[in-house]
Protein backbone atom coordinates (compact mmCIF):
# COMPACT_ATOMS: atom_id res chain seq x y z
CA MET A 1 -54.78 -25.71 29.76
CA ARG A 2 -56.70 -27.28 32.64
CA ARG A 3 -58.99 -30.15 31.77
CA HIS A 4 -62.52 -30.58 33.10
CA GLY A 5 -63.02 -32.65 36.25
CA LEU A 6 -65.21 -35.19 34.42
CA ARG A 7 -62.47 -35.69 31.84
CA ILE A 8 -59.91 -36.27 34.58
CA MET A 9 -62.18 -38.87 36.21
CA ALA A 10 -62.82 -40.57 32.86
CA GLN A 11 -59.09 -40.83 32.15
CA LEU A 12 -58.38 -42.18 35.63
CA LEU A 13 -61.23 -44.67 35.20
CA VAL A 14 -59.68 -46.02 31.99
CA LEU A 15 -56.65 -47.09 34.03
CA ALA A 16 -58.95 -49.33 36.11
CA GLY A 17 -59.94 -51.37 33.04
CA PRO A 18 -58.11 -54.63 33.95
CA LEU A 19 -59.65 -54.54 37.44
CA LEU A 20 -63.29 -54.04 36.41
CA PRO A 21 -64.38 -57.41 37.95
CA VAL A 22 -63.11 -56.21 41.34
CA LEU A 23 -64.91 -52.90 40.83
CA LEU A 24 -68.13 -54.81 40.04
CA ILE A 25 -67.80 -56.78 43.29
CA THR A 26 -67.33 -53.52 45.20
CA ILE A 27 -70.45 -51.99 43.64
CA VAL A 28 -72.66 -55.05 44.20
CA THR A 29 -71.61 -55.54 47.83
CA GLY A 30 -71.97 -51.80 48.44
CA VAL A 31 -75.53 -51.70 47.09
CA LEU A 32 -76.52 -54.79 49.06
CA GLY A 33 -74.89 -53.36 52.18
CA PHE A 34 -76.83 -50.09 51.97
CA ALA A 35 -80.03 -52.01 51.20
CA CYS A 36 -79.53 -53.98 54.41
CA ALA A 37 -78.82 -50.78 56.39
CA ILE A 38 -82.03 -49.20 55.08
CA GLY A 39 -83.86 -52.44 55.75
CA ILE A 40 -82.85 -52.37 59.42
CA ILE A 41 -84.47 -48.94 59.89
CA VAL A 42 -87.56 -49.64 57.76
CA TYR A 43 -88.24 -53.02 59.36
CA GLY A 44 -87.56 -51.47 62.75
CA ALA A 45 -90.18 -48.77 62.09
CA LEU A 46 -92.67 -51.40 60.95
CA ALA A 47 -91.95 -53.43 64.09
CA LEU A 48 -92.69 -50.37 66.25
CA LEU A 49 -95.99 -49.84 64.41
CA THR A 50 -96.88 -53.50 64.85
CA ALA A 51 -96.04 -53.32 68.56
CA THR A 52 -98.47 -50.40 68.96
CA GLY A 53 -101.24 -52.42 67.35
CA ILE A 54 -101.21 -50.78 63.91
CA THR A 55 -101.64 -53.26 61.09
CA THR A 56 -98.62 -53.37 58.81
CA GLY A 57 -99.22 -56.65 57.03
CA TYR A 58 -96.18 -58.29 58.68
CA SER A 59 -95.90 -60.39 61.82
CA MET A 60 -93.60 -59.34 64.64
CA THR A 61 -91.61 -62.56 64.24
CA PHE A 62 -90.99 -61.86 60.57
CA LEU A 63 -89.95 -58.27 61.24
CA LEU A 64 -87.53 -59.14 64.06
CA THR A 65 -86.02 -61.93 61.97
CA ALA A 66 -85.63 -59.54 59.04
CA ILE A 67 -83.88 -56.98 61.27
CA VAL A 68 -81.38 -59.58 62.52
CA ILE A 69 -80.68 -60.91 59.02
CA CYS A 70 -80.20 -57.39 57.65
CA ALA A 71 -77.85 -56.52 60.51
CA VAL A 72 -75.65 -59.58 59.92
CA LEU A 73 -75.61 -59.17 56.14
CA ARG A 74 -74.86 -55.46 56.50
CA GLY A 75 -71.60 -56.33 58.25
CA VAL A 76 -70.70 -59.00 55.68
CA PHE A 77 -71.41 -56.82 52.66
CA ARG A 78 -69.72 -53.78 54.20
CA TYR A 79 -66.56 -55.80 54.80
CA GLY A 80 -66.66 -57.13 51.24
CA GLU A 81 -67.12 -53.63 49.83
CA GLN A 82 -64.22 -52.17 51.82
CA MET A 83 -61.88 -55.07 51.11
CA SER A 84 -62.49 -55.15 47.35
CA GLY A 85 -62.54 -51.34 47.09
CA HIS A 86 -59.20 -50.89 48.80
CA TYR A 87 -57.66 -53.83 46.92
CA LEU A 88 -58.68 -52.05 43.73
CA ALA A 89 -57.30 -48.72 44.96
CA PHE A 90 -53.91 -49.92 46.15
CA LYS A 91 -53.42 -52.17 43.14
CA LEU A 92 -54.08 -49.21 40.86
CA LEU A 93 -51.76 -46.98 42.90
CA ALA A 94 -48.99 -49.51 42.26
CA VAL A 95 -49.83 -49.45 38.53
CA LEU A 96 -49.82 -45.64 38.54
CA ARG A 97 -46.44 -45.44 40.28
CA ASP A 98 -45.04 -47.81 37.69
CA LYS A 99 -46.48 -45.70 34.86
CA VAL A 100 -45.16 -42.47 36.40
CA LEU A 101 -41.65 -43.91 36.81
CA GLN A 102 -41.79 -45.17 33.21
CA ALA A 103 -42.81 -41.66 32.15
CA LEU A 104 -39.91 -40.13 34.08
CA ARG A 105 -37.53 -42.59 32.44
CA ARG A 106 -39.00 -41.72 29.03
CA LEU A 107 -38.67 -37.97 29.66
CA ALA A 108 -35.14 -38.20 31.07
CA PRO A 109 -32.80 -36.52 30.82
CA ALA A 110 -33.78 -33.56 28.61
CA LYS A 111 -37.32 -32.92 29.87
CA LEU A 112 -36.39 -33.43 33.54
CA GLU A 113 -33.54 -30.90 33.60
CA GLY A 114 -35.90 -27.96 34.03
CA LYS A 115 -38.40 -29.63 36.33
CA ASP A 116 -38.66 -28.84 40.03
CA LYS A 117 -37.37 -31.96 41.82
CA GLY A 118 -39.38 -31.25 44.98
CA ASN A 119 -42.54 -30.99 42.90
CA LEU A 120 -41.71 -34.29 41.23
CA ILE A 121 -41.22 -35.97 44.62
CA SER A 122 -44.56 -34.54 45.77
CA LEU A 123 -46.22 -35.88 42.61
CA ILE A 124 -44.70 -39.36 42.92
CA THR A 125 -45.61 -39.68 46.61
CA SER A 126 -48.48 -37.58 47.91
CA ASP A 127 -50.28 -36.87 44.62
CA ILE A 128 -50.49 -40.54 43.70
CA GLU A 129 -51.42 -41.40 47.29
CA LEU A 130 -54.33 -38.96 47.10
CA LEU A 131 -55.73 -40.85 44.10
CA GLU A 132 -56.64 -43.59 46.58
CA VAL A 133 -59.60 -41.33 47.42
CA PHE A 134 -60.78 -41.56 43.82
CA TYR A 135 -60.32 -45.29 43.34
CA ALA A 136 -61.48 -46.46 46.79
CA HIS A 137 -63.99 -43.76 47.71
CA THR A 138 -65.30 -42.30 44.45
CA ILE A 139 -65.86 -44.76 41.59
CA ALA A 140 -67.81 -47.39 43.53
CA PRO A 141 -69.67 -44.89 45.77
CA VAL A 142 -70.97 -43.07 42.68
CA MET A 143 -72.36 -46.28 41.19
CA ILE A 144 -73.64 -47.42 44.59
CA GLY A 145 -75.36 -44.07 45.08
CA ILE A 146 -77.03 -44.21 41.64
CA ILE A 147 -78.23 -47.81 41.94
CA THR A 148 -79.39 -47.46 45.56
CA SER A 149 -81.25 -44.24 44.75
CA LEU A 150 -83.06 -45.86 41.80
CA LEU A 151 -84.12 -48.81 43.94
CA MET A 152 -85.40 -46.48 46.66
CA VAL A 153 -87.32 -44.35 44.14
CA PHE A 154 -89.18 -47.45 42.96
CA PHE A 155 -89.72 -48.64 46.54
CA ILE A 156 -91.12 -45.32 47.78
CA GLY A 157 -93.05 -44.84 44.53
CA SER A 158 -94.79 -48.17 45.09
CA TYR A 159 -96.73 -46.48 47.93
CA GLU A 160 -97.50 -43.33 45.94
CA PRO A 161 -95.91 -42.20 42.62
CA LEU A 162 -95.76 -38.58 43.78
CA LEU A 163 -93.62 -39.62 46.74
CA GLY A 164 -91.33 -41.53 44.36
CA TRP A 165 -90.83 -38.44 42.19
CA LEU A 166 -90.08 -36.36 45.28
CA ALA A 167 -87.49 -38.93 46.39
CA ALA A 168 -85.89 -38.79 42.92
CA LEU A 169 -85.64 -34.99 43.14
CA ALA A 170 -84.09 -35.26 46.61
CA TYR A 171 -81.44 -37.76 45.48
CA ILE A 172 -80.58 -35.75 42.34
CA THR A 173 -80.24 -32.53 44.34
CA VAL A 174 -78.08 -33.97 47.12
CA GLY A 175 -76.04 -36.38 44.99
CA LEU A 176 -75.61 -34.36 41.78
CA PHE A 177 -76.52 -30.68 41.88
CA ILE A 178 -74.84 -29.84 45.18
CA PRO A 179 -71.54 -31.67 44.36
CA LEU A 180 -71.36 -30.04 40.90
CA LEU A 181 -72.02 -26.60 42.34
CA THR A 182 -69.57 -26.83 45.23
CA SER A 183 -66.78 -28.55 43.27
CA ARG A 184 -66.89 -25.80 40.64
CA MET A 185 -66.63 -23.22 43.42
CA GLY A 186 -63.56 -24.80 44.99
CA ARG A 187 -61.61 -26.49 42.21
CA ARG A 188 -59.13 -23.62 41.82
CA GLN A 189 -58.42 -23.78 45.57
CA GLY A 190 -57.60 -27.49 45.32
CA MET A 191 -55.14 -26.96 42.47
CA GLU A 192 -53.47 -24.06 44.28
CA TYR A 193 -53.11 -26.16 47.44
CA ARG A 194 -51.41 -29.07 45.60
CA SER A 195 -49.13 -26.64 43.75
CA SER A 196 -48.15 -24.86 46.99
CA PHE A 197 -47.56 -28.21 48.67
CA GLY A 198 -45.15 -29.23 45.90
CA LYS A 199 -43.29 -25.90 46.05
CA LEU A 200 -42.90 -26.15 49.83
CA SER A 201 -41.52 -29.69 49.45
CA SER A 202 -39.04 -28.45 46.87
CA TYR A 203 -37.91 -25.52 49.02
CA PHE A 204 -37.52 -27.74 52.07
CA LEU A 205 -35.49 -30.24 50.03
CA ASP A 206 -33.21 -27.44 48.83
CA SER A 207 -32.77 -26.27 52.43
CA LEU A 208 -31.75 -29.74 53.57
CA ARG A 209 -29.27 -30.16 50.73
CA GLY A 210 -27.76 -26.73 51.35
CA MET A 211 -27.63 -27.03 55.14
CA LYS A 212 -23.84 -26.66 55.30
CA GLU A 213 -23.93 -23.42 53.31
CA ILE A 214 -26.85 -22.11 55.38
CA VAL A 215 -24.95 -22.73 58.63
CA GLN A 216 -21.65 -21.47 57.21
CA TYR A 217 -23.04 -18.09 56.16
CA GLY A 218 -25.50 -17.66 59.02
CA HIS A 219 -28.54 -17.80 56.76
CA GLY A 220 -30.56 -20.04 59.08
CA GLU A 221 -32.92 -17.38 60.40
CA GLN A 222 -33.83 -16.13 56.91
CA GLN A 223 -34.32 -19.68 55.68
CA LEU A 224 -36.57 -20.52 58.63
CA THR A 225 -38.56 -17.32 58.08
CA GLU A 226 -39.13 -18.25 54.44
CA ILE A 227 -40.18 -21.80 55.36
CA ASN A 228 -42.63 -20.41 57.92
CA ARG A 229 -43.99 -17.95 55.34
CA ARG A 230 -44.57 -20.72 52.81
CA THR A 231 -46.09 -22.93 55.50
CA ASP A 232 -48.47 -20.13 56.47
CA GLN A 233 -49.48 -19.76 52.83
CA LEU A 234 -50.17 -23.49 52.66
CA ASP A 235 -52.19 -23.33 55.90
CA ALA A 236 -54.23 -20.44 54.49
CA LYS A 237 -55.07 -22.44 51.38
CA GLN A 238 -55.98 -25.47 53.51
CA LYS A 239 -58.22 -23.29 55.69
CA SER A 240 -59.91 -22.07 52.53
CA LEU A 241 -60.51 -25.67 51.50
CA LYS A 242 -61.90 -26.55 54.93
CA HIS A 243 -64.16 -23.50 54.85
CA HIS A 244 -65.45 -24.67 51.50
CA GLU A 245 -65.95 -28.16 52.96
CA GLY A 246 -67.98 -26.72 55.84
CA ILE A 247 -70.23 -24.80 53.45
CA THR A 248 -70.79 -27.93 51.37
CA ARG A 249 -71.75 -29.99 54.40
CA ALA A 250 -74.09 -27.29 55.67
CA ILE A 251 -75.86 -27.10 52.30
CA THR A 252 -76.09 -30.90 52.13
CA ASP A 253 -77.47 -31.28 55.66
CA ALA A 254 -80.02 -28.53 55.01
CA ALA A 255 -81.13 -30.30 51.83
CA VAL A 256 -81.51 -33.65 53.64
CA VAL A 257 -83.63 -32.13 56.41
CA GLY A 258 -85.62 -30.06 53.93
CA PHE A 259 -86.50 -32.96 51.63
CA SER A 260 -87.36 -35.19 54.60
CA PHE A 261 -89.78 -32.50 55.79
CA LEU A 262 -91.23 -32.17 52.27
CA MET A 263 -91.70 -35.95 52.15
CA LEU A 264 -93.60 -35.76 55.44
CA LEU A 265 -95.84 -32.98 54.10
CA ALA A 266 -96.41 -34.84 50.83
CA GLY A 267 -97.24 -38.01 52.75
CA LEU A 268 -99.73 -36.18 54.97
CA TYR A 269 -101.28 -34.63 51.87
CA GLY A 270 -101.60 -38.09 50.32
CA MET A 271 -103.23 -39.39 53.49
CA SER A 272 -105.74 -36.53 53.42
CA LYS A 273 -106.66 -37.49 49.86
CA LEU A 274 -106.74 -41.20 50.82
CA GLN A 275 -103.98 -41.86 48.27
CA VAL A 276 -101.58 -43.40 50.80
CA SER A 277 -102.02 -45.18 54.11
CA PHE A 278 -100.50 -44.06 57.40
CA THR A 279 -98.09 -46.99 57.19
CA GLY A 280 -97.10 -46.08 53.65
CA MET A 281 -96.57 -42.45 54.59
CA LEU A 282 -94.44 -43.31 57.62
CA VAL A 283 -92.38 -45.92 55.78
CA SER A 284 -91.77 -43.49 52.89
CA VAL A 285 -90.51 -40.74 55.21
CA ILE A 286 -88.28 -43.13 57.18
CA ALA A 287 -87.03 -44.84 54.00
CA LEU A 288 -86.06 -41.51 52.42
CA PHE A 289 -84.34 -40.18 55.54
CA SER A 290 -82.42 -43.43 56.09
CA SER A 291 -81.37 -43.78 52.43
CA PHE A 292 -79.52 -40.48 52.05
CA GLY A 293 -76.26 -42.19 53.09
CA PRO A 294 -75.02 -43.08 49.57
CA VAL A 295 -75.91 -39.70 48.03
CA VAL A 296 -74.59 -37.73 51.02
CA ALA A 297 -71.34 -39.63 50.50
CA LEU A 298 -71.38 -38.35 46.91
CA SER A 299 -71.95 -34.81 48.12
CA ASN A 300 -69.07 -35.07 50.58
CA LEU A 301 -66.87 -36.42 47.80
CA SER A 302 -66.70 -32.97 46.27
CA ASN A 303 -64.66 -31.79 49.27
CA ASN A 304 -62.02 -34.50 48.90
CA LEU A 305 -62.19 -34.46 45.12
CA LEU A 306 -60.91 -30.88 44.97
CA GLN A 307 -57.43 -32.03 45.93
CA THR A 308 -57.81 -35.45 44.30
CA LEU A 309 -58.69 -34.02 40.89
CA ALA A 310 -55.82 -31.54 41.18
CA SER A 311 -53.48 -34.46 41.92
CA GLY A 312 -55.02 -36.45 39.08
CA GLU A 313 -54.43 -33.61 36.63
CA ARG A 314 -50.78 -33.31 37.68
CA VAL A 315 -50.24 -37.07 37.32
CA LEU A 316 -52.06 -37.30 33.97
CA SER A 317 -50.15 -34.28 32.63
CA LEU A 318 -46.87 -36.01 33.41
CA LEU A 319 -48.03 -39.29 31.83
CA GLU A 320 -49.10 -37.44 28.65
CA GLU A 321 -45.95 -35.33 28.34
CA THR A 322 -43.92 -36.21 25.28
CA PRO A 323 -40.13 -36.62 25.49
CA GLU A 324 -37.79 -34.45 23.45
CA VAL A 325 -36.20 -37.61 22.05
CA GLU A 326 -38.22 -40.78 21.43
CA GLU A 327 -36.41 -44.00 22.30
CA ASN A 328 -35.63 -46.24 19.33
CA PHE A 329 -36.54 -49.75 20.44
CA GLY A 330 -36.16 -51.47 17.06
CA GLY A 331 -33.11 -49.67 15.73
CA MET A 332 -29.99 -51.18 14.23
CA SER A 333 -26.89 -52.42 16.03
CA VAL A 334 -23.48 -51.37 14.78
CA ALA A 335 -19.83 -51.87 15.65
CA PHE A 336 -18.20 -48.60 16.66
CA THR A 337 -15.71 -47.29 14.10
CA GLY A 338 -15.87 -43.56 14.78
CA ALA A 339 -18.32 -40.67 14.83
CA GLN A 340 -18.99 -37.53 12.83
CA VAL A 341 -20.83 -34.32 13.67
CA ASP A 342 -22.14 -32.72 10.48
CA LYS A 343 -23.06 -29.02 10.50
CA ILE A 344 -25.30 -29.16 13.55
CA THR A 345 -27.12 -26.23 15.10
CA PHE A 346 -28.74 -26.47 18.51
CA ALA A 347 -30.58 -23.98 20.72
CA TYR A 348 -32.22 -24.07 24.14
CA GLU A 349 -35.50 -22.30 23.38
CA ASP A 350 -34.30 -19.01 21.81
CA GLN A 351 -30.66 -19.23 22.91
CA THR A 352 -28.37 -20.73 20.26
CA VAL A 353 -25.61 -22.82 21.84
CA LEU A 354 -24.08 -24.54 18.80
CA ASP A 355 -24.04 -22.94 15.35
CA ASN A 356 -23.09 -24.98 12.25
CA VAL A 357 -20.64 -27.19 14.18
CA SER A 358 -18.81 -30.04 12.44
CA LEU A 359 -16.42 -32.53 14.02
CA THR A 360 -14.81 -35.84 13.08
CA ILE A 361 -14.07 -38.25 15.94
CA PRO A 362 -11.54 -40.82 14.66
CA HIS A 363 -11.53 -44.40 15.94
CA LYS A 364 -9.09 -45.15 18.80
CA ARG A 365 -7.91 -41.57 19.19
CA ILE A 366 -8.35 -38.96 21.91
CA THR A 367 -10.28 -35.92 20.71
CA GLY A 368 -10.00 -32.90 22.99
CA ILE A 369 -12.46 -30.01 23.07
CA GLN A 370 -11.38 -26.98 25.05
CA GLY A 371 -13.34 -23.84 25.81
CA LYS A 372 -14.66 -21.59 28.50
CA SER A 373 -17.72 -22.42 30.60
CA GLY A 374 -21.01 -22.07 28.74
CA SER A 375 -19.42 -22.35 25.30
CA GLY A 376 -21.43 -25.47 24.37
CA LYS A 377 -18.90 -28.24 25.09
CA SER A 378 -21.18 -30.23 27.42
CA THR A 379 -24.14 -29.74 25.08
CA LEU A 380 -22.16 -31.31 22.24
CA LEU A 381 -21.54 -34.42 24.36
CA LYS A 382 -25.25 -34.68 25.18
CA LEU A 383 -26.07 -34.52 21.48
CA LEU A 384 -23.53 -37.29 20.81
CA MET A 385 -25.40 -39.43 23.36
CA ARG A 386 -28.73 -38.38 21.80
CA PHE A 387 -30.07 -36.95 25.03
CA ARG A 388 -31.34 -34.28 22.65
CA ASP A 389 -31.50 -33.90 18.87
CA PRO A 390 -30.01 -30.93 16.98
CA GLN A 391 -32.44 -28.61 15.19
CA GLN A 392 -30.25 -28.68 12.07
CA GLY A 393 -27.58 -31.02 10.76
CA GLY A 394 -26.95 -34.58 11.88
CA ILE A 395 -24.67 -36.89 13.84
CA LEU A 396 -23.30 -40.12 12.40
CA LEU A 397 -21.96 -43.04 14.39
CA SER A 398 -20.08 -45.68 12.40
CA GLY A 399 -21.51 -44.06 9.28
CA HIS A 400 -25.14 -44.35 10.42
CA ASP A 401 -27.50 -41.62 11.55
CA LEU A 402 -27.69 -41.62 15.35
CA LYS A 403 -31.50 -41.74 15.13
CA GLU A 404 -31.38 -45.10 13.31
CA ILE A 405 -29.40 -46.85 16.06
CA GLY A 406 -31.32 -48.63 18.83
CA THR A 407 -31.27 -46.62 22.05
CA LYS A 408 -30.27 -49.57 24.24
CA HIS A 409 -27.47 -50.49 21.85
CA LEU A 410 -26.30 -46.87 21.72
CA ARG A 411 -26.04 -46.76 25.51
CA GLY A 412 -23.87 -49.88 25.36
CA LEU A 413 -21.49 -48.17 22.95
CA GLN A 414 -20.95 -45.11 25.15
CA SER A 415 -19.67 -44.32 28.62
CA TYR A 416 -20.21 -40.84 30.02
CA VAL A 417 -18.66 -39.05 32.97
CA ASP A 418 -19.56 -35.48 33.88
CA GLN A 419 -18.11 -33.16 36.49
CA ASP A 420 -21.01 -33.74 38.91
CA THR A 421 -21.07 -37.50 39.40
CA PHE A 422 -24.30 -38.70 40.99
CA LEU A 423 -23.91 -41.40 43.62
CA PHE A 424 -26.76 -43.44 45.08
CA ASP A 425 -27.10 -43.98 48.83
CA ASP A 426 -25.56 -47.44 48.57
CA THR A 427 -22.18 -49.13 48.80
CA ILE A 428 -19.17 -48.08 46.76
CA ALA A 429 -19.24 -51.41 44.90
CA ALA A 430 -22.93 -51.01 44.04
CA ASN A 431 -22.30 -47.49 42.73
CA ILE A 432 -19.48 -48.65 40.47
CA LYS A 433 -21.65 -51.55 39.26
CA ILE A 434 -24.19 -49.07 37.91
CA GLY A 435 -21.96 -49.16 34.82
CA LYS A 436 -22.24 -52.96 34.59
CA PRO A 437 -24.69 -54.66 36.99
CA ASP A 438 -23.25 -58.14 36.39
CA ALA A 439 -19.63 -57.07 36.92
CA THR A 440 -17.50 -59.33 39.11
CA HIS A 441 -15.71 -57.99 42.17
CA LYS A 442 -12.43 -58.38 40.29
CA GLN A 443 -13.73 -56.17 37.47
CA VAL A 444 -14.93 -53.57 39.99
CA VAL A 445 -11.52 -53.48 41.68
CA GLU A 446 -9.72 -53.21 38.35
CA ALA A 447 -11.93 -50.28 37.30
CA ALA A 448 -11.28 -48.58 40.65
CA ARG A 449 -7.51 -49.03 40.22
CA ARG A 450 -7.63 -47.45 36.78
CA ALA A 451 -9.62 -44.54 38.23
CA SER A 452 -7.02 -44.06 40.99
CA VAL A 453 -9.58 -44.62 43.74
CA HIS A 454 -8.79 -48.18 44.90
CA ASP A 455 -6.23 -47.13 47.52
CA PHE A 456 -8.69 -44.67 49.05
CA ILE A 457 -11.44 -47.32 49.15
CA MET A 458 -9.17 -49.74 50.98
CA THR A 459 -8.57 -47.18 53.75
CA LEU A 460 -12.28 -47.31 54.63
CA PRO A 461 -13.32 -49.73 57.42
CA GLN A 462 -15.66 -51.68 55.12
CA GLY A 463 -13.77 -51.17 51.88
CA TYR A 464 -15.97 -51.64 48.83
CA ASP A 465 -18.96 -52.33 51.10
CA SER A 466 -18.78 -48.82 52.60
CA ARG A 467 -21.88 -46.70 52.03
CA VAL A 468 -21.40 -43.35 50.34
CA GLY A 469 -24.37 -41.56 51.98
CA GLU A 470 -27.15 -39.59 50.34
CA LEU A 471 -25.85 -37.93 47.15
CA GLY A 472 -22.42 -39.26 48.12
CA ASP A 473 -22.13 -36.66 50.88
CA ARG A 474 -19.60 -38.77 52.83
CA LEU A 475 -17.06 -38.34 50.03
CA SER A 476 -15.17 -35.37 48.66
CA GLY A 477 -15.82 -33.98 45.19
CA GLY A 478 -12.65 -35.59 43.86
CA GLU A 479 -13.53 -38.98 45.34
CA ARG A 480 -16.99 -38.84 43.81
CA GLN A 481 -15.51 -37.93 40.45
CA ARG A 482 -13.06 -40.84 40.53
CA LEU A 483 -15.90 -43.24 41.38
CA GLY A 484 -17.70 -41.87 38.32
CA LEU A 485 -14.64 -42.69 36.23
CA ALA A 486 -14.51 -46.19 37.72
CA ARG A 487 -18.17 -46.62 36.79
CA ALA A 488 -17.36 -45.63 33.19
CA PHE A 489 -14.32 -47.95 33.08
CA VAL A 490 -16.32 -50.98 34.27
CA HIS A 491 -18.97 -50.23 31.60
CA ASP A 492 -16.17 -50.90 29.09
CA ALA A 493 -17.79 -49.11 26.13
CA PRO A 494 -15.77 -48.37 22.96
CA LEU A 495 -16.63 -44.63 23.09
CA LEU A 496 -15.72 -42.76 26.26
CA LEU A 497 -17.21 -39.25 26.67
CA LEU A 498 -15.63 -37.23 29.48
CA ASP A 499 -16.92 -33.84 30.61
CA GLU A 500 -14.36 -32.13 32.87
CA PRO A 501 -13.20 -35.48 34.33
CA THR A 502 -10.34 -33.93 36.31
CA SER A 503 -11.98 -30.69 37.49
CA ASN A 504 -12.08 -31.83 41.14
CA LEU A 505 -8.69 -33.59 41.19
CA ASP A 506 -5.30 -32.42 42.38
CA SER A 507 -2.29 -32.49 40.07
CA LEU A 508 -1.09 -35.93 41.21
CA ASN A 509 -4.43 -37.68 40.75
CA GLU A 510 -5.01 -35.82 37.48
CA ALA A 511 -1.73 -37.19 36.15
CA ILE A 512 -2.68 -40.73 37.23
CA ILE A 513 -6.11 -40.47 35.57
CA LEU A 514 -4.68 -39.01 32.37
CA LYS A 515 -2.09 -41.81 32.20
CA SER A 516 -4.89 -44.36 32.60
CA LEU A 517 -6.95 -42.66 29.88
CA LYS A 518 -3.97 -42.67 27.53
CA GLU A 519 -3.64 -46.42 28.08
CA GLN A 520 -7.32 -46.85 27.16
CA GLN A 521 -6.54 -45.47 23.70
CA GLN A 522 -5.45 -48.92 22.51
CA ASP A 523 -9.05 -50.12 22.21
CA LYS A 524 -11.22 -47.07 22.92
CA THR A 525 -12.17 -43.76 21.37
CA ILE A 526 -12.16 -40.88 23.84
CA VAL A 527 -13.78 -37.46 23.61
CA LEU A 528 -12.32 -35.25 26.32
CA VAL A 529 -13.96 -31.94 27.24
CA SER A 530 -12.20 -29.55 29.63
CA HIS A 531 -11.19 -25.95 30.15
CA ARG A 532 -7.86 -27.02 31.71
CA SER A 533 -4.84 -26.99 29.41
CA SER A 534 -3.09 -29.61 31.57
CA THR A 535 -5.89 -32.09 30.87
CA MET A 536 -5.57 -31.59 27.12
CA ARG A 537 -1.94 -32.77 27.02
CA ILE A 538 -3.05 -36.31 26.16
CA ALA A 539 -5.32 -35.26 23.26
CA ASP A 540 -4.32 -36.40 19.76
CA ASP A 541 -6.62 -33.84 18.16
CA LEU A 542 -7.48 -30.59 19.93
CA PHE A 543 -10.37 -28.27 19.07
CA GLN A 544 -11.38 -24.93 20.52
CA MET A 545 -15.04 -24.14 21.27
CA ASP A 546 -15.74 -20.43 21.12
CA ASN A 547 -18.70 -18.26 20.18
CA ARG A 548 -20.89 -21.33 19.48
CA ARG A 549 -18.41 -22.66 16.91
CA LEU A 550 -15.65 -25.27 16.83
CA SER A 551 -12.24 -24.54 15.39
């Protein structure tokens, strides 16, 4: 359910709490800056009247001096407002990025599996970047507009109360009624634009990753056509936003001209009734016309806020999303002595994957689980790592409920290798060290030897300092898988969970890996999942996964 724009702004404003002193500086310098800008025009008008011989109550020297002082101070205060406002904005963007990445870490891996990665990239980059509009060009301008308008109402009202009330109506109409009306008209367009932008980013990312397949099967023309179609859709939504922006500006400009004309008529009426002098009438008209800047800025905000509020809602929704499994920061620490799966049932939404499954994983033995694809083998491993929790039953590790064990400690007890090893765009050594950041080079080499990948690494010009490319695209599937095994070996956890660890290996390398795994049995417990019978030769205990059950 979409939240109201005011609620989004209130929630974003709460994040600025620690930086309220900076916000206060921005508001004060902004008000003083606009006061000086208005002063330049008002004092200039009075100087012209004085030059024509009309009595204004001020000397020409005073007026010229006031104009110069206002001009200088306008520059100083404007600089201060912009500097403090953008410091506030970019500081808060850094805080937001940190919060978003913490949220992604909290939601991973279960909640992120079904999320569109392109949309997430769009949220982390462009959506957060758009919030700069809110923090640098919305919060302070709103307060500046309100305070400046109040000061001008009292100033104009000092000549004639009726003129003050008219000024108040003008400011409320331009700064409040028009933005509320136009933002309500275009909010749906802003949300649709941000959503389309994220979908286009995702589709383009998929196209880049699948470029080899696109070229191989001659799908380039269709892919380009689809990208152009989605781009045209995005352009259409942007044109709709710009059309809305044009209407808003036209309404605002008409209101400014209209109220200035009404002020002139009201001033002339006051002169005819001897309620206001010619000087007072002229100053009131000029003061009103020259003071619309802050409230016009508020009116124009509604155009930018359409996308900004849509981005804010997407960011806030991610921050508020709850993970499927809450991390246990204060849980117990245990020594690994085995694990037990006790009558667990697990389903993805309405699809049951595991039904009343029980399994004992003895200490320092190799437990093999064999079954066809989609039978629930990989899901069982994820439950053992507590990436998700079963809907029924429980999992014990060293005799303790998995939920009672501290998450950080649990990660230290387990190493996990799946069939699709993810590699970062870094060196081979750095990718292996993901398993143990403080590992020595000797430990990295030893892990690579045990994973049967050391000899390959040494054939590369830069050896362990060779970069693997984005997503490891400079390596074959088998090489990536062996680096994943090396990463698990260097982690040196007592429980090793392997999901199809030899699926991308030839017979020779499979034999080498299996021999290495068998040697690990002296001090490690291994759970080996595979559909290949050859891989299961080293298993001490073999189970079959079929029809959501283990036998």
